[in-house]
Amino acid sequence: MKKTTTFALAALAAVALTGTAKAQASLPLSFEGRVGAVIPTGDWGDLAKTGYGLNGNVTFNVTPIVGIYGGYTWNRFDVSDDLGGDVGDAKFTEQGFDVGLKARFAAPTGLPLTPFFRAGAIFHKVKISDSDASFSSDTKVGFDVGAGAEIAIAPRISLTPQVGYSQFNPDSSDDEELDSEDSIDVSNIHLGVGINIRL
């Protein structure tokens, strides 16, 4: 009787653990870290050289196709020599939070990849600094769009090469009289690759 009871408890424990594992495995969350080149465009490209960026985000998959993401971006640029004078060790840093929607599409037949498109709002600021001092703008709202593909390298792990574009104006104001005539958009093309881990 004792052996039978022990076996029954062990079987129930195994079933419970299996059910818990399946529930955990089906959580609609994914985590992604990304690194890449950041190419300034427009008037911003006259001030900053091509830099590099880091991004981390979490996506909650509302459906198998649509997810809501939130994350943080950090970009670093050298100051352009075209400004003239001695720029020394001056750097631009752009950083802030990102939120938006990500849509995943059916993979092309026979290919182990899933195309995706994302679009959302960014809440970024830009700072210029050197070894002596630094100045930072206020955080402003802009936008970000991007596209790429998830390339499976393991059951729940994918490489995510992608290209994107972001833009915001650090001098923007609700009062037109306060806007600077010399204000410029901080606009960048992003080329990068990440690792996506799904739960």
C-alpha atoms as a PDB file:
ATOM      1  CA  MET A   1       0.000   0.000   0.000  1.00  0.00           C
ATOM      2  CA  LYS A   2       2.807   2.326   0.922  1.00  0.00           C
ATOM      3  CA  LYS A   3       4.567   1.710  -2.404  1.00  0.00           C
ATOM      4  CA  THR A   4       1.310   2.293  -4.297  1.00  0.00           C
ATOM      5  CA  THR A   5       0.709   5.596  -2.469  1.00  0.00           C
ATOM      6  CA  THR A   6       4.284   6.731  -3.114  1.00  0.00           C
ATOM      7  CA  PHE A   7       3.968   5.871  -6.811  1.00  0.00           C
ATOM      8  CA  ALA A   8       0.649   7.745  -7.074  1.00  0.00           C
ATOM      9  CA  LEU A   9       2.091  10.871  -5.410  1.00  0.00           C
ATOM     10  CA  ALA A  10       5.126  10.731  -7.692  1.00  0.00           C
ATOM     11  CA  ALA A  11       2.878  10.426 -10.757  1.00  0.00           C
ATOM     12  CA  LEU A  12       0.748  13.386  -9.638  1.00  0.00           C
ATOM     13  CA  ALA A  13       3.879  15.452  -9.008  1.00  0.00           C
ATOM     14  CA  ALA A  14       5.188  14.623 -12.486  1.00  0.00           C
ATOM     15  CA  VAL A  15       1.886  15.634 -14.087  1.00  0.00           C
ATOM     16  CA  ALA A  16       1.804  18.871 -12.098  1.00  0.00           C
ATOM     17  CA  LEU A  17       5.374  19.758 -13.030  1.00  0.00           C
ATOM     18  CA  THR A  18       4.708  18.967 -16.694  1.00  0.00           C
ATOM     19  CA  GLY A  19       1.609  21.169 -16.674  1.00  0.00           C
ATOM     20  CA  THR A  20       3.548  24.004 -14.992  1.00  0.00           C
ATOM     21  CA  ALA A  21       6.372  23.704 -17.508  1.00  0.00           C
ATOM     22  CA  LYS A  22       3.921  23.861 -20.414  1.00  0.00           C
ATOM     23  CA  ALA A  23       2.191  26.898 -18.904  1.00  0.00           C
ATOM     24  CA  GLN A  24       5.527  28.646 -18.431  1.00  0.00           C
ATOM     25  CA  ALA A  25       6.656  27.723 -21.942  1.00  0.00           C
ATOM     26  CA  SER A  26       3.510  29.235 -23.422  1.00  0.00           C
ATOM     27  CA  LEU A  27       3.907  32.672 -21.834  1.00  0.00           C
ATOM     28  CA  PRO A  28       3.420  35.198 -24.670  1.00  0.00           C
ATOM     29  CA  LEU A  29       6.620  37.103 -23.912  1.00  0.00           C
ATOM     30  CA  SER A  30       9.885  37.555 -25.774  1.00  0.00           C
ATOM     31  CA  PHE A  31      13.087  39.376 -24.884  1.00  0.00           C
ATOM     32  CA  GLU A  32      15.491  40.928 -27.368  1.00  0.00           C
ATOM     33  CA  GLY A  33      18.883  42.597 -27.234  1.00  0.00           C
ATOM     34  CA  ARG A  34      20.255  44.380 -30.291  1.00  0.00           C
ATOM     35  CA  VAL A  35      23.475  46.081 -31.387  1.00  0.00           C
ATOM     36  CA  GLY A  36      24.262  47.904 -34.621  1.00  0.00           C
ATOM     37  CA  ALA A  37      25.375  50.926 -36.604  1.00  0.00           C
ATOM     38  CA  VAL A  38      23.466  54.212 -36.372  1.00  0.00           C
ATOM     39  CA  ILE A  39      23.730  56.522 -39.412  1.00  0.00           C
ATOM     40  CA  PRO A  40      22.712  60.174 -38.867  1.00  0.00           C
ATOM     41  CA  THR A  41      20.711  61.735 -41.709  1.00  0.00           C
ATOM     42  CA  GLY A  42      19.721  65.227 -42.839  1.00  0.00           C
ATOM     43  CA  ASP A  43      21.080  68.228 -40.908  1.00  0.00           C
ATOM     44  CA  TRP A  44      21.816  65.923 -37.980  1.00  0.00           C
ATOM     45  CA  GLY A  45      24.276  64.150 -40.263  1.00  0.00           C
ATOM     46  CA  ASP A  46      26.264  67.393 -40.496  1.00  0.00           C
ATOM     47  CA  LEU A  47      26.760  67.379 -36.725  1.00  0.00           C
ATOM     48  CA  ALA A  48      27.304  63.703 -35.888  1.00  0.00           C
ATOM     49  CA  LYS A  49      29.363  60.911 -37.401  1.00  0.00           C
ATOM     50  CA  THR A  50      28.076  57.380 -37.900  1.00  0.00           C
ATOM     51  CA  GLY A  51      27.845  55.819 -34.469  1.00  0.00           C
ATOM     52  CA  TYR A  52      26.728  52.655 -32.744  1.00  0.00           C
ATOM     53  CA  GLY A  53      23.716  51.737 -30.675  1.00  0.00           C
ATOM     54  CA  LEU A  54      22.340  49.272 -28.144  1.00  0.00           C
ATOM     55  CA  ASN A  55      18.697  48.363 -27.571  1.00  0.00           C
ATOM     56  CA  GLY A  56      16.833  46.051 -25.247  1.00  0.00           C
ATOM     57  CA  ASN A  57      13.112  45.374 -25.333  1.00  0.00           C
ATOM     58  CA  VAL A  58      10.327  43.090 -24.151  1.00  0.00           C
ATOM     59  CA  THR A  59       7.374  42.127 -26.367  1.00  0.00           C
ATOM     60  CA  PHE A  60       3.993  40.917 -25.114  1.00  0.00           C
ATOM     61  CA  ASN A  61       2.356  38.940 -27.921  1.00  0.00           C
ATOM     62  CA  VAL A  62      -1.331  39.831 -27.883  1.00  0.00           C
ATOM     63  CA  THR A  63      -1.889  37.390 -30.759  1.00  0.00           C
ATOM     64  CA  PRO A  64       0.520  35.121 -32.682  1.00  0.00           C
ATOM     65  CA  ILE A  65       0.807  37.994 -35.192  1.00  0.00           C
ATOM     66  CA  VAL A  66       0.650  41.238 -33.163  1.00  0.00           C
ATOM     67  CA  GLY A  67       2.734  42.175 -30.130  1.00  0.00           C
ATOM     68  CA  ILE A  68       3.223  45.249 -27.950  1.00  0.00           C
ATOM     69  CA  TYR A  69       6.855  46.121 -27.221  1.00  0.00           C
ATOM     70  CA  GLY A  70       8.614  48.381 -24.777  1.00  0.00           C
ATOM     71  CA  GLY A  71      12.317  48.979 -24.403  1.00  0.00           C
ATOM     72  CA  TYR A  72      15.269  51.326 -24.083  1.00  0.00           C
ATOM     73  CA  THR A  73      17.714  52.631 -26.702  1.00  0.00           C
ATOM     74  CA  TRP A  74      21.208  54.087 -26.251  1.00  0.00           C
ATOM     75  CA  ASN A  75      23.150  55.547 -29.214  1.00  0.00           C
ATOM     76  CA  ARG A  76      26.620  57.140 -29.217  1.00  0.00           C
ATOM     77  CA  PHE A  77      28.182  59.376 -31.913  1.00  0.00           C
ATOM     78  CA  ASP A  78      31.437  61.280 -32.374  1.00  0.00           C
ATOM     79  CA  VAL A  79      31.017  64.957 -33.203  1.00  0.00           C
ATOM     80  CA  SER A  80      31.621  65.693 -36.887  1.00  0.00           C
ATOM     81  CA  ASP A  81      34.880  67.340 -37.939  1.00  0.00           C
ATOM     82  CA  ASP A  82      32.798  69.466 -40.342  1.00  0.00           C
ATOM     83  CA  LEU A  83      31.799  71.701 -37.433  1.00  0.00           C
ATOM     84  CA  GLY A  84      35.245  73.241 -37.537  1.00  0.00           C
ATOM     85  CA  GLY A  85      37.508  74.052 -34.637  1.00  0.00           C
ATOM     86  CA  ASP A  86      38.797  71.546 -32.138  1.00  0.00           C
ATOM     87  CA  VAL A  87      35.978  69.158 -31.239  1.00  0.00           C
ATOM     88  CA  GLY A  88      38.338  67.184 -29.016  1.00  0.00           C
ATOM     89  CA  ASP A  89      36.691  64.223 -27.329  1.00  0.00           C
ATOM     90  CA  ALA A  90      33.140  65.578 -27.651  1.00  0.00           C
ATOM     91  CA  LYS A  91      30.392  62.972 -28.050  1.00  0.00           C
ATOM     92  CA  PHE A  92      26.665  62.954 -28.737  1.00  0.00           C
ATOM     93  CA  THR A  93      24.516  60.496 -26.801  1.00  0.00           C
ATOM     94  CA  GLU A  94      20.904  59.825 -27.757  1.00  0.00           C
ATOM     95  CA  GLN A  95      18.850  57.692 -25.400  1.00  0.00           C
ATOM     96  CA  GLY A  96      15.358  56.986 -24.139  1.00  0.00           C
ATOM     97  CA  PHE A  97      12.356  54.691 -23.997  1.00  0.00           C
ATOM     98  CA  ASP A  98      10.537  53.107 -26.954  1.00  0.00           C
ATOM     99  CA  VAL A  99       6.985  51.680 -27.151  1.00  0.00           C
ATOM    100  CA  GLY A 100       4.982  50.381 -30.100  1.00  0.00           C
ATOM    101  CA  LEU A 101       3.510  47.487 -32.040  1.00  0.00           C
ATOM    102  CA  LYS A 102       5.283  44.622 -33.780  1.00  0.00           C
ATOM    103  CA  ALA A 103       3.633  42.486 -36.470  1.00  0.00           C
ATOM    104  CA  ARG A 104       5.019  39.084 -37.487  1.00  0.00           C
ATOM    105  CA  PHE A 105       4.120  37.549 -40.838  1.00  0.00           C
ATOM    106  CA  ALA A 106       4.034  34.040 -42.242  1.00  0.00           C
ATOM    107  CA  ALA A 107       7.429  32.760 -43.289  1.00  0.00           C
ATOM    108  CA  PRO A 108       8.100  32.338 -47.024  1.00  0.00           C
ATOM    109  CA  THR A 109       7.717  28.695 -48.022  1.00  0.00           C
ATOM    110  CA  GLY A 110      10.775  26.633 -47.223  1.00  0.00           C
ATOM    111  CA  LEU A 111      12.655  29.386 -45.365  1.00  0.00           C
ATOM    112  CA  PRO A 112      13.383  29.196 -41.594  1.00  0.00           C
ATOM    113  CA  LEU A 113      12.579  32.859 -40.983  1.00  0.00           C
ATOM    114  CA  THR A 114       9.668  35.049 -39.935  1.00  0.00           C
ATOM    115  CA  PRO A 115       9.489  38.597 -41.377  1.00  0.00           C
ATOM    116  CA  PHE A 116       8.315  41.377 -39.056  1.00  0.00           C
ATOM    117  CA  PHE A 117       7.472  45.083 -39.086  1.00  0.00           C
ATOM    118  CA  ARG A 118       7.429  47.401 -36.087  1.00  0.00           C
ATOM    119  CA  ALA A 119       6.317  50.997 -35.516  1.00  0.00           C
ATOM    120  CA  GLY A 120       6.000  53.101 -32.416  1.00  0.00           C
ATOM    121  CA  ALA A 121       6.795  56.181 -30.377  1.00  0.00           C
ATOM    122  CA  ILE A 122      10.144  57.099 -28.861  1.00  0.00           C
ATOM    123  CA  PHE A 123      10.759  59.288 -25.813  1.00  0.00           C
ATOM    124  CA  HIS A 124      14.361  60.362 -26.335  1.00  0.00           C
ATOM    125  CA  LYS A 125      16.801  63.092 -25.442  1.00  0.00           C
ATOM    126  CA  VAL A 126      20.221  64.002 -26.803  1.00  0.00           C
ATOM    127  CA  LYS A 127      23.307  65.019 -24.825  1.00  0.00           C
ATOM    128  CA  ILE A 128      26.618  66.499 -25.926  1.00  0.00           C
ATOM    129  CA  SER A 129      29.540  65.999 -23.596  1.00  0.00           C
ATOM    130  CA  ASP A 130      33.318  66.044 -23.371  1.00  0.00           C
ATOM    131  CA  SER A 131      35.811  65.654 -20.562  1.00  0.00           C
ATOM    132  CA  ASP A 132      34.954  69.103 -19.174  1.00  0.00           C
ATOM    133  CA  ALA A 133      31.186  69.541 -19.406  1.00  0.00           C
ATOM    134  CA  SER A 134      27.924  68.229 -20.793  1.00  0.00           C
ATOM    135  CA  PHE A 135      24.545  69.580 -21.896  1.00  0.00           C
ATOM    136  CA  SER A 136      21.348  67.573 -22.290  1.00  0.00           C
ATOM    137  CA  SER A 137      18.057  68.381 -23.994  1.00  0.00           C
ATOM    138  CA  ASP A 138      14.655  67.615 -22.506  1.00  0.00           C
ATOM    139  CA  THR A 139      13.020  64.310 -23.399  1.00  0.00           C
ATOM    140  CA  LYS A 140      10.838  64.690 -26.503  1.00  0.00           C
ATOM    141  CA  VAL A 141       8.446  62.439 -28.406  1.00  0.00           C
ATOM    142  CA  GLY A 142       9.315  61.089 -31.847  1.00  0.00           C
ATOM    143  CA  PHE A 143       8.710  57.987 -33.920  1.00  0.00           C
ATOM    144  CA  ASP A 144      10.494  54.826 -34.949  1.00  0.00           C
ATOM    145  CA  VAL A 145       9.801  52.288 -37.707  1.00  0.00           C
ATOM    146  CA  GLY A 146      11.668  49.165 -38.684  1.00  0.00           C
ATOM    147  CA  ALA A 147      11.558  45.832 -40.471  1.00  0.00           C
ATOM    148  CA  GLY A 148      13.527  42.631 -40.362  1.00  0.00           C
ATOM    149  CA  ALA A 149      13.290  38.892 -39.886  1.00  0.00           C
ATOM    150  CA  GLU A 150      13.513  36.357 -37.083  1.00  0.00           C
ATOM    151  CA  ILE A 151      15.866  33.579 -38.176  1.00  0.00           C
ATOM    152  CA  ALA A 152      15.502  30.514 -35.958  1.00  0.00           C
ATOM    153  CA  ILE A 153      18.759  29.117 -34.561  1.00  0.00           C
ATOM    154  CA  ALA A 154      17.113  27.095 -31.747  1.00  0.00           C
ATOM    155  CA  PRO A 155      13.511  26.196 -30.798  1.00  0.00           C
ATOM    156  CA  ARG A 156      12.963  29.489 -28.929  1.00  0.00           C
ATOM    157  CA  ILE A 157      15.970  31.570 -29.978  1.00  0.00           C
ATOM    158  CA  SER A 158      16.276  33.654 -33.152  1.00  0.00           C
ATOM    159  CA  LEU A 159      18.721  36.027 -34.797  1.00  0.00           C
ATOM    160  CA  THR A 160      16.967  39.263 -35.766  1.00  0.00           C
ATOM    161  CA  PRO A 161      18.720  41.311 -38.475  1.00  0.00           C
ATOM    162  CA  GLN A 162      16.777  44.510 -39.122  1.00  0.00           C
ATOM    163  CA  VAL A 163      16.811  48.028 -40.523  1.00  0.00           C
ATOM    164  CA  GLY A 164      14.965  50.996 -39.072  1.00  0.00           C
ATOM    165  CA  TYR A 165      14.497  54.760 -39.040  1.00  0.00           C
ATOM    166  CA  SER A 166      13.871  57.058 -36.083  1.00  0.00           C
ATOM    167  CA  GLN A 167      13.277  60.784 -35.710  1.00  0.00           C
ATOM    168  CA  PHE A 168      12.567  63.332 -32.994  1.00  0.00           C
ATOM    169  CA  ASN A 169      13.194  67.035 -32.434  1.00  0.00           C
ATOM    170  CA  PRO A 170      14.963  67.819 -29.138  1.00  0.00           C
ATOM    171  CA  ASP A 171      14.024  71.508 -29.447  1.00  0.00           C
ATOM    172  CA  SER A 172      10.327  70.966 -30.205  1.00  0.00           C
ATOM    173  CA  SER A 173       7.832  72.920 -28.109  1.00  0.00           C
ATOM    174  CA  ASP A 174       4.072  73.281 -27.878  1.00  0.00           C
ATOM    175  CA  ASP A 175       4.603  77.018 -28.079  1.00  0.00           C
ATOM    176  CA  GLU A 176       5.702  77.988 -31.603  1.00  0.00           C
ATOM    177  CA  GLU A 177       7.322  81.169 -30.259  1.00  0.00           C
ATOM    178  CA  LEU A 178       9.654  79.042 -28.146  1.00  0.00           C
ATOM    179  CA  ASP A 179      10.821  76.887 -31.043  1.00  0.00           C
ATOM    180  CA  SER A 180      14.336  77.672 -32.198  1.00  0.00           C
ATOM    181  CA  GLU A 181      14.747  78.653 -35.818  1.00  0.00           C
ATOM    182  CA  ASP A 182      17.936  76.599 -35.799  1.00  0.00           C
ATOM    183  CA  SER A 183      16.353  73.458 -34.347  1.00  0.00           C
ATOM    184  CA  ILE A 184      16.964  70.246 -36.263  1.00  0.00           C
ATOM    185  CA  ASP A 185      15.522  66.768 -36.212  1.00  0.00           C
ATOM    186  CA  VAL A 186      17.663  64.009 -34.742  1.00  0.00           C
ATOM    187  CA  SER A 187      17.060  61.400 -37.439  1.00  0.00           C
ATOM    188  CA  ASN A 188      18.894  58.107 -37.873  1.00  0.00           C
ATOM    189  CA  ILE A 189      18.972  54.984 -39.991  1.00  0.00           C
ATOM    190  CA  HIS A 190      19.609  51.884 -37.876  1.00  0.00           C
ATOM    191  CA  LEU A 191      21.311  48.734 -39.180  1.00  0.00           C
ATOM    192  CA  GLY A 192      21.667  45.981 -36.643  1.00  0.00           C
ATOM    193  CA  VAL A 193      21.238  42.449 -35.448  1.00  0.00           C
ATOM    194  CA  GLY A 194      19.816  41.057 -32.252  1.00  0.00           C
ATOM    195  CA  ILE A 195      19.038  37.913 -30.310  1.00  0.00           C
ATOM    196  CA  ASN A 196      15.373  37.202 -29.577  1.00  0.00           C
ATOM    197  CA  ILE A 197      14.419  34.737 -26.827  1.00  0.00           C
ATOM    198  CA  ARG A 198      10.788  33.566 -26.553  1.00  0.00           C
ATOM    199  CA  LEU A 199       9.324  32.092 -23.378  1.00  0.00           C
END
